[in-house]
Amino acid sequence: MRKTVLRKYAHLIAACGVNVQAGQEVFITAGLDQPEFVKMVVEECYKLGASRVVVDWDYQPMQKVQYQYASLETLGALTGYQKARWEHYLEKVPCRIYLESDDPEGLKGIDQEKMLKAQQMRYPLIKGYRDELENKYQWCIAAVPGAAWAKKLFPELTKRQAVEKLWKAILSTSRVTDDPVQSWKEHNADLHDRCSYLNSLGIEKLHYTASNGTDFTVGMIPEAEFKGGGDTSLQGIFFNLNIPTEECFISPMRGVAEGKVVASMPLSREGQLIDKFWIRFHEGKAVEWHAELNEQLLTNIITADEGSAYLGECALVPFDSPIQQSGLLFYNTLFDENAACHLALGHGFPDTIKGFENKTLEECRALGVNDSMVHVDFMIGTADLNIDALTRDGQSVAVFRNGTWAF
């Protein structure tokens, strides 16, 4: 891939993704797959005035070794230097960039029970830090090709050819045009207008139906609103949290969801795939589920904690989105969730509550925003998905017809 194009992408992530401000620190998490591109992102952050840029390298084979040999007590602990880093985050409120490139099945065979228990042990130790940082900082998730990920998508190609083709798909769906920043301004404006219309309806419930067996109703929080595209931190800085993104999303009312949803795509979670699954909800809670592939991992997600069986997000994405039009199943939630409507189990978004900046987290959650250690998106959109909004004044308004916007 031409360096001039990659430089535009790196600038997009730094300037439009996290929108680095002069004097801010930036922490980047990345795999070992594209070190030259990571260096470009670091350079672009510094050009925008970053005071310090730190890169944390990630490597799936090393994770497998850690879970094979380290004790559960070690994996579930929070050491002194780890606490110091969290305290540094609270003091400096740095930007966070996550560059995804993992093999969708790179952690296949890992001890799932040990991983879950370690996460359950660590979460109470970091929850206070996470809650205090909620909505205060800019963050952006973007992607670069990993060789194993590219070969998963294009097994017929050589490794080099597959990586090049995945680069093209990432850049195209991420709107890396001649002027990517302007393209994102226009895209954000369109998503903003769609959210404004949805918010004007006074939606009480959404009813989803599709021929694959999805028949599901979910309740809305009266004080919540749809959001999409960029967001503004509590520091007043506008940023784009996902590159790419095609969704208008909202946090639904905890405890109000009935019916069955059938997944329309595989779910890549913790380096493993869950496929051909469905979940049935009653009184807002997942009460029954089945997966033909990796049901135990699905069970671990739903039973991770008290809030993980409830929904934290409803996202509307047209089936004719650029990601869907690419014809690719990316086996990566960042892309696949933007190819079709999706739901998320677990943690909800307090910033979907109107006036959240003047409310505490506890007040947002008391209104119905779910809280959990997990947030796991899974796709339910199909070419024949219909969604109707049942409004508070007794109307039924078509929101989706045949997989895409009805307005």
Protein backbone atom coordinates (compact mmCIF):
# COMPACT_ATOMS: atom_id res chain seq x y z
CA MET A 1 0.00 0.00 0.00
CA ARG A 2 1.32 3.46 -0.92
CA LYS A 3 2.79 5.36 2.01
CA THR A 4 1.00 8.54 1.00
CA VAL A 5 -2.36 6.80 1.46
CA LEU A 6 -1.32 5.24 4.76
CA ARG A 7 -0.15 8.64 5.95
CA LYS A 8 -3.65 10.03 5.28
CA TYR A 9 -5.12 7.18 7.32
CA ALA A 10 -2.68 7.78 10.18
CA HIS A 11 -3.56 11.48 10.16
CA LEU A 12 -7.29 10.64 10.14
CA ILE A 13 -6.90 8.48 13.26
CA ALA A 14 -4.89 11.12 15.13
CA ALA A 15 -6.72 14.26 13.99
CA CYS A 16 -10.28 13.06 13.41
CA GLY A 17 -10.31 9.87 15.48
CA VAL A 18 -8.99 10.95 18.88
CA ASN A 19 -8.48 14.60 17.85
CA VAL A 20 -5.23 15.03 19.77
CA GLN A 21 -4.96 18.41 21.49
CA ALA A 22 -1.71 20.26 22.15
CA GLY A 23 -0.09 19.00 25.33
CA GLN A 24 -2.15 15.79 25.59
CA GLU A 25 -0.61 12.39 26.14
CA VAL A 26 -1.57 9.50 23.83
CA PHE A 27 -1.52 5.79 24.65
CA ILE A 28 -1.67 3.40 21.69
CA THR A 29 -2.39 -0.34 21.90
CA ALA A 30 -1.33 -2.27 18.80
CA GLY A 31 -0.27 -5.71 17.63
CA LEU A 32 3.11 -6.49 16.09
CA ASP A 33 1.67 -6.66 12.57
CA GLN A 34 2.18 -3.14 11.18
CA PRO A 35 4.98 -1.41 13.12
CA GLU A 36 5.70 1.08 10.33
CA PHE A 37 2.10 2.24 10.31
CA VAL A 38 2.07 2.51 14.10
CA LYS A 39 5.14 4.74 13.79
CA MET A 40 3.18 6.93 11.35
CA VAL A 41 0.35 7.29 13.88
CA VAL A 42 2.87 8.21 16.59
CA GLU A 43 4.36 10.86 14.29
CA GLU A 44 0.95 12.31 13.44
CA CYS A 45 0.08 12.56 17.14
CA TYR A 46 3.29 14.47 17.80
CA LYS A 47 2.65 16.77 14.82
CA LEU A 48 -0.68 17.70 16.42
CA GLY A 49 1.09 18.69 19.62
CA ALA A 50 1.02 15.53 21.76
CA SER A 51 3.38 15.83 24.72
CA ARG A 52 4.04 12.10 24.97
CA VAL A 53 3.00 9.05 22.92
CA VAL A 54 3.27 5.58 24.49
CA VAL A 55 2.82 2.36 22.50
CA ASP A 56 1.78 -0.86 24.26
CA TRP A 57 2.45 -3.83 21.98
CA ASP A 58 0.11 -6.81 22.06
CA TYR A 59 0.78 -10.37 20.80
CA GLN A 60 -1.78 -13.17 20.87
CA PRO A 61 0.70 -16.09 21.18
CA MET A 62 2.12 -14.40 24.28
CA GLN A 63 -1.39 -14.13 25.76
CA LYS A 64 -1.82 -17.88 25.30
CA VAL A 65 1.47 -18.51 27.09
CA GLN A 66 0.41 -16.25 29.96
CA TYR A 67 -2.87 -18.11 30.44
CA GLN A 68 -1.11 -21.45 30.18
CA TYR A 69 1.57 -20.83 32.80
CA ALA A 70 0.62 -17.89 35.06
CA SER A 71 -1.46 -18.63 38.13
CA LEU A 72 -5.04 -17.43 38.40
CA GLU A 73 -4.00 -15.25 41.34
CA THR A 74 -1.35 -13.56 39.18
CA LEU A 75 -3.68 -13.06 36.21
CA GLY A 76 -6.45 -11.65 38.41
CA ALA A 77 -4.29 -9.27 40.44
CA LEU A 78 -3.64 -5.55 39.97
CA THR A 79 0.02 -4.84 40.72
CA GLY A 80 1.49 -1.64 42.07
CA TYR A 81 2.78 -0.43 38.72
CA GLN A 82 -0.58 -1.23 37.08
CA LYS A 83 -2.36 0.84 39.73
CA ALA A 84 0.13 3.64 39.11
CA ARG A 85 -0.75 3.63 35.43
CA TRP A 86 -4.48 3.87 36.16
CA GLU A 87 -3.79 6.75 38.54
CA HIS A 88 -1.74 8.39 35.78
CA TYR A 89 -4.72 8.04 33.44
CA LEU A 90 -6.90 9.80 36.01
CA GLU A 91 -4.39 12.61 36.42
CA LYS A 92 -3.52 13.22 32.75
CA VAL A 93 -6.67 11.92 30.95
CA PRO A 94 -4.74 10.84 27.84
CA CYS A 95 -6.14 9.95 24.44
CA ARG A 96 -6.42 6.21 23.77
CA ILE A 97 -5.95 4.62 20.33
CA TYR A 98 -6.61 0.92 19.73
CA LEU A 99 -5.30 -0.52 16.44
CA GLU A 100 -6.87 -3.94 15.84
CA SER A 101 -5.16 -6.59 13.73
CA ASP A 102 -5.74 -9.83 15.64
CA ASP A 103 -6.24 -13.25 14.14
CA PRO A 104 -9.99 -13.93 14.64
CA GLU A 105 -9.08 -17.37 16.01
CA GLY A 106 -5.70 -16.50 17.49
CA LEU A 107 -6.66 -17.57 21.00
CA LYS A 108 -8.37 -20.80 19.99
CA GLY A 109 -7.70 -23.47 22.60
CA ILE A 110 -7.07 -21.05 25.47
CA ASP A 111 -8.44 -21.98 28.89
CA GLN A 112 -11.76 -20.08 28.71
CA GLU A 113 -12.71 -20.73 32.33
CA LYS A 114 -9.37 -19.44 33.60
CA MET A 115 -9.66 -16.33 31.41
CA LEU A 116 -13.17 -15.59 32.67
CA LYS A 117 -12.22 -16.05 36.32
CA ALA A 118 -9.19 -13.78 35.92
CA GLN A 119 -11.36 -11.09 34.33
CA GLN A 120 -13.92 -11.41 37.13
CA MET A 121 -11.14 -11.00 39.72
CA ARG A 122 -9.58 -7.96 38.03
CA TYR A 123 -12.76 -6.07 37.19
CA PRO A 124 -13.63 -4.93 40.75
CA LEU A 125 -10.05 -3.68 41.11
CA ILE A 126 -10.23 -1.43 38.04
CA LYS A 127 -13.94 -0.54 38.04
CA GLY A 128 -13.47 2.57 40.15
CA TYR A 129 -10.85 3.91 37.74
CA ARG A 130 -13.01 3.10 34.72
CA ASP A 131 -16.06 4.77 36.22
CA GLU A 132 -14.09 7.91 37.05
CA LEU A 133 -12.75 8.11 33.48
CA GLU A 134 -16.16 7.47 31.86
CA ASN A 135 -16.79 9.99 29.04
CA LYS A 136 -13.81 12.16 30.05
CA TYR A 137 -11.27 11.11 27.42
CA GLN A 138 -11.05 10.74 23.64
CA TRP A 139 -10.60 7.26 22.25
CA CYS A 140 -10.63 5.64 18.84
CA ILE A 141 -10.67 2.04 17.63
CA ALA A 142 -9.31 1.52 14.11
CA ALA A 143 -7.74 -1.40 12.28
CA VAL A 144 -4.65 -2.48 10.36
CA PRO A 145 -4.14 -5.82 8.60
CA GLY A 146 -2.58 -8.75 10.39
CA ALA A 147 -1.28 -11.59 8.21
CA ALA A 148 -3.39 -14.28 9.91
CA TRP A 149 -6.50 -12.08 9.81
CA ALA A 150 -5.92 -11.33 6.11
CA LYS A 151 -5.49 -15.02 5.27
CA LYS A 152 -8.74 -15.79 7.10
CA LEU A 153 -10.53 -13.47 4.69
CA PHE A 154 -8.56 -14.35 1.55
CA PRO A 155 -7.23 -17.90 1.93
CA GLU A 156 -6.65 -18.28 -1.81
CA LEU A 157 -4.08 -15.46 -1.89
CA THR A 158 -0.47 -15.36 -0.79
CA LYS A 159 0.15 -13.72 2.57
CA ARG A 160 1.43 -10.53 0.95
CA GLN A 161 -1.49 -10.35 -1.49
CA ALA A 162 -4.00 -10.99 1.30
CA VAL A 163 -2.57 -8.22 3.48
CA GLU A 164 -2.66 -5.78 0.55
CA LYS A 165 -6.28 -6.67 -0.23
CA LEU A 166 -7.27 -6.25 3.43
CA TRP A 167 -5.54 -2.87 3.49
CA LYS A 168 -7.69 -1.79 0.54
CA ALA A 169 -10.88 -2.98 2.28
CA ILE A 170 -10.01 -1.21 5.54
CA LEU A 171 -9.15 2.07 3.82
CA SER A 172 -12.21 2.00 1.58
CA THR A 173 -14.72 1.33 4.36
CA SER A 174 -12.94 3.83 6.62
CA ARG A 175 -13.53 6.60 4.07
CA VAL A 176 -9.86 7.24 3.40
CA THR A 177 -10.51 9.36 0.31
CA ASP A 178 -8.51 12.23 -1.17
CA ASP A 179 -9.73 14.27 1.80
CA PRO A 180 -10.62 11.82 4.60
CA VAL A 181 -11.28 14.48 7.23
CA GLN A 182 -13.85 16.21 4.99
CA SER A 183 -15.45 12.85 4.17
CA TRP A 184 -15.89 12.21 7.89
CA LYS A 185 -17.39 15.64 8.47
CA GLU A 186 -20.04 14.87 5.84
CA HIS A 187 -20.61 11.35 7.20
CA ASN A 188 -21.02 12.64 10.76
CA ALA A 189 -23.55 15.20 9.54
CA ASP A 190 -25.66 12.46 7.92
CA LEU A 191 -25.59 10.28 11.05
CA HIS A 192 -26.46 13.32 13.19
CA ASP A 193 -29.52 14.07 11.04
CA ARG A 194 -30.75 10.46 11.23
CA CYS A 195 -30.35 10.44 15.00
CA SER A 196 -32.26 13.74 15.24
CA TYR A 197 -35.19 12.22 13.37
CA LEU A 198 -35.22 9.09 15.54
CA ASN A 199 -35.09 11.23 18.68
CA SER A 200 -38.05 13.29 17.46
CA LEU A 201 -40.32 10.22 17.40
CA GLY A 202 -40.58 9.69 21.16
CA ILE A 203 -39.87 5.96 20.87
CA GLU A 204 -41.07 3.75 23.71
CA LYS A 205 -40.13 0.39 22.16
CA LEU A 206 -38.52 -1.06 19.04
CA HIS A 207 -39.94 -4.23 17.50
CA TYR A 208 -37.60 -6.33 15.29
CA THR A 209 -38.76 -9.12 12.94
CA ALA A 210 -36.92 -11.18 10.31
CA SER A 211 -37.49 -14.46 8.50
CA ASN A 212 -34.59 -16.17 10.33
CA GLY A 213 -36.67 -16.27 13.53
CA THR A 214 -35.91 -12.88 15.08
CA ASP A 215 -39.02 -11.54 16.81
CA PHE A 216 -37.95 -9.20 19.54
CA THR A 217 -39.11 -6.07 21.38
CA VAL A 218 -36.88 -3.82 23.46
CA GLY A 219 -37.77 -0.80 25.60
CA MET A 220 -36.21 2.65 25.47
CA ILE A 221 -35.24 4.93 28.38
CA PRO A 222 -37.40 8.07 28.17
CA GLU A 223 -34.37 10.28 28.90
CA ALA A 224 -32.10 8.51 26.37
CA GLU A 225 -31.30 9.61 22.82
CA PHE A 226 -29.77 8.05 19.73
CA LYS A 227 -26.21 9.02 18.96
CA GLY A 228 -23.98 8.33 15.98
CA GLY A 229 -20.64 9.22 14.48
CA GLY A 230 -18.50 11.54 16.55
CA ASP A 231 -19.00 12.41 20.20
CA THR A 232 -17.84 15.12 22.59
CA SER A 233 -15.93 14.31 25.77
CA LEU A 234 -16.64 15.93 29.12
CA GLN A 235 -13.56 18.04 28.37
CA GLY A 236 -15.45 19.49 25.40
CA ILE A 237 -13.35 17.77 22.69
CA PHE A 238 -15.07 16.23 19.65
CA PHE A 239 -13.73 12.84 18.53
CA ASN A 240 -14.69 9.76 16.50
CA LEU A 241 -14.64 6.64 18.63
CA ASN A 242 -14.84 4.09 15.81
CA ILE A 243 -13.27 4.16 12.35
CA PRO A 244 -15.30 2.98 10.49
CA THR A 245 -18.81 3.55 11.88
CA GLU A 246 -22.26 3.43 10.29
CA GLU A 247 -24.49 3.15 13.34
CA CYS A 248 -27.10 5.16 15.17
CA PHE A 249 -27.06 3.69 18.67
CA ILE A 250 -28.81 4.05 22.01
CA SER A 251 -28.70 2.39 25.42
CA PRO A 252 -32.03 0.61 26.00
CA MET A 253 -33.99 0.31 29.23
CA ARG A 254 -32.50 -2.38 31.43
CA GLY A 255 -35.11 -5.05 32.19
CA VAL A 256 -37.40 -4.36 29.19
CA ALA A 257 -36.75 -6.84 26.38
CA GLU A 258 -38.82 -9.78 25.19
CA GLY A 259 -38.39 -12.36 22.47
CA LYS A 260 -35.75 -14.10 20.40
CA VAL A 261 -32.90 -12.66 18.36
CA VAL A 262 -30.95 -14.73 15.85
CA ALA A 263 -27.37 -13.76 15.06
CA SER A 264 -26.79 -13.02 11.40
CA MET A 265 -22.97 -13.21 11.48
CA PRO A 266 -20.26 -15.00 13.44
CA LEU A 267 -18.98 -13.16 16.52
CA SER A 268 -15.23 -12.87 17.05
CA ARG A 269 -14.59 -12.62 20.78
CA GLU A 270 -11.25 -12.93 22.60
CA GLY A 271 -9.54 -14.51 19.61
CA GLN A 272 -12.28 -17.12 19.12
CA LEU A 273 -15.40 -17.40 16.97
CA ILE A 274 -18.98 -17.94 18.13
CA ASP A 275 -21.30 -18.87 15.28
CA LYS A 276 -24.87 -19.84 14.43
CA PHE A 277 -26.37 -18.68 17.71
CA TRP A 278 -29.54 -17.20 19.11
CA ILE A 279 -30.59 -15.65 22.42
CA ARG A 280 -34.05 -15.39 24.00
CA PHE A 281 -34.84 -12.54 26.40
CA HIS A 282 -37.49 -12.29 29.10
CA GLU A 283 -37.98 -9.23 31.30
CA GLY A 284 -34.85 -7.79 29.75
CA LYS A 285 -32.60 -10.71 30.62
CA ALA A 286 -31.06 -13.42 28.42
CA VAL A 287 -32.72 -16.57 29.75
CA GLU A 288 -32.00 -19.08 26.99
CA TRP A 289 -29.36 -19.35 24.25
CA HIS A 290 -27.64 -21.77 21.92
CA ALA A 291 -24.61 -21.66 19.62
CA GLU A 292 -23.51 -24.36 17.20
CA LEU A 293 -19.91 -23.16 17.54
CA ASN A 294 -18.38 -22.18 20.89
CA GLU A 295 -21.51 -22.19 23.03
CA GLN A 296 -19.39 -22.23 26.20
CA LEU A 297 -17.80 -18.90 25.27
CA LEU A 298 -21.25 -17.44 24.63
CA THR A 299 -22.32 -18.73 28.06
CA ASN A 300 -19.24 -17.14 29.65
CA ILE A 301 -20.20 -13.78 28.14
CA ILE A 302 -23.82 -13.93 29.27
CA THR A 303 -22.94 -15.11 32.80
CA ALA A 304 -19.82 -12.97 33.32
CA ASP A 305 -21.53 -10.86 35.96
CA GLU A 306 -24.98 -9.72 37.08
CA GLY A 307 -25.33 -7.20 34.25
CA SER A 308 -23.91 -9.22 31.37
CA ALA A 309 -27.24 -10.96 30.63
CA TYR A 310 -28.90 -7.58 29.99
CA LEU A 311 -28.57 -5.28 26.99
CA GLY A 312 -26.35 -2.21 26.92
CA GLU A 313 -26.88 -1.09 23.32
CA CYS A 314 -29.25 -1.17 20.37
CA ALA A 315 -27.61 -0.02 17.12
CA LEU A 316 -29.29 0.61 13.78
CA VAL A 317 -27.15 0.02 10.70
CA PRO A 318 -28.49 -0.22 7.13
CA PHE A 319 -27.84 -3.53 5.40
CA ASP A 320 -26.53 -1.60 2.39
CA SER A 321 -23.76 0.08 4.40
CA PRO A 322 -20.29 0.34 2.77
CA ILE A 323 -19.07 -2.58 4.90
CA GLN A 324 -21.93 -4.77 3.72
CA GLN A 325 -21.41 -3.61 0.13
CA SER A 326 -17.77 -4.71 0.31
CA GLY A 327 -19.06 -8.29 0.26
CA LEU A 328 -16.67 -9.25 3.04
CA LEU A 329 -17.28 -10.92 6.35
CA PHE A 330 -14.41 -9.35 8.30
CA TYR A 331 -14.57 -11.64 11.36
CA ASN A 332 -13.91 -8.45 13.33
CA THR A 333 -16.62 -6.70 15.33
CA LEU A 334 -15.36 -3.20 14.47
CA PHE A 335 -16.34 -3.86 10.85
CA ASP A 336 -19.05 -6.51 11.09
CA GLU A 337 -21.10 -4.47 13.58
CA ASN A 338 -21.15 -1.71 10.98
CA ALA A 339 -22.46 -4.04 8.30
CA ALA A 340 -25.79 -4.74 10.00
CA CYS A 341 -28.00 -3.86 12.95
CA HIS A 342 -26.65 -5.16 16.21
CA LEU A 343 -27.26 -5.43 19.92
CA ALA A 344 -24.74 -5.51 22.74
CA LEU A 345 -24.79 -7.50 25.93
CA GLY A 346 -23.51 -5.79 29.06
CA HIS A 347 -22.26 -2.27 29.66
CA GLY A 348 -24.43 0.60 28.48
CA PHE A 349 -23.49 4.16 27.59
CA PRO A 350 -24.33 6.82 30.20
CA ASP A 351 -23.65 9.54 27.60
CA THR A 352 -26.80 8.52 25.70
CA ILE A 353 -28.78 10.12 28.55
CA LYS A 354 -29.78 13.72 27.82
CA GLY A 355 -27.84 16.05 30.08
CA PHE A 356 -25.57 13.22 31.25
CA GLU A 357 -22.79 15.74 31.85
CA ASN A 358 -24.83 17.11 34.75
CA LYS A 359 -25.64 13.68 36.19
CA THR A 360 -23.63 11.13 38.12
CA LEU A 361 -23.03 7.62 36.79
CA GLU A 362 -25.33 6.33 39.50
CA GLU A 363 -28.11 8.63 38.32
CA CYS A 364 -27.71 7.49 34.69
CA ARG A 365 -27.82 3.85 35.75
CA ALA A 366 -30.85 4.48 37.95
CA LEU A 367 -32.66 5.69 34.82
CA GLY A 368 -32.02 2.30 33.17
CA VAL A 369 -28.49 2.28 31.68
CA ASN A 370 -27.02 -1.18 32.24
CA ASP A 371 -23.69 -1.72 34.02
CA SER A 372 -21.38 -4.68 33.44
CA MET A 373 -17.74 -5.69 33.06
CA VAL A 374 -18.42 -6.70 29.44
CA HIS A 375 -19.75 -4.99 26.33
CA VAL A 376 -20.17 -7.51 23.51
CA ASP A 377 -21.78 -6.54 20.22
CA PHE A 378 -23.47 -9.20 18.10
CA MET A 379 -25.06 -8.73 14.71
CA ILE A 380 -28.75 -9.40 14.00
CA GLY A 381 -29.31 -7.39 10.81
CA THR A 382 -30.51 -9.23 7.68
CA ALA A 383 -31.65 -8.26 4.19
CA ASP A 384 -35.29 -8.65 5.29
CA LEU A 385 -35.11 -7.16 8.80
CA ASN A 386 -38.02 -4.89 9.65
CA ILE A 387 -38.02 -2.58 12.67
CA ASP A 388 -41.03 -0.64 13.90
CA ALA A 389 -40.91 2.12 16.48
CA LEU A 390 -43.78 2.07 18.96
CA THR A 391 -44.05 5.64 20.18
CA ARG A 392 -45.22 7.05 23.50
CA ASP A 393 -48.24 8.65 21.84
CA GLY A 394 -49.46 5.28 20.54
CA GLN A 395 -48.19 5.35 16.95
CA SER A 396 -46.26 2.71 15.02
CA VAL A 397 -43.58 4.17 12.76
CA ALA A 398 -41.52 2.20 10.24
CA VAL A 399 -37.81 2.62 10.99
CA PHE A 400 -36.36 -0.22 8.89
CA ARG A 401 -37.82 -2.05 5.92
CA ASN A 402 -36.02 -4.88 4.16
CA GLY A 403 -32.82 -4.31 6.07
CA THR A 404 -32.40 -0.58 5.56
CA TRP A 405 -33.77 2.80 6.60
CA ALA A 406 -37.47 3.33 5.97
CA PHE A 407 -36.94 7.11 5.92
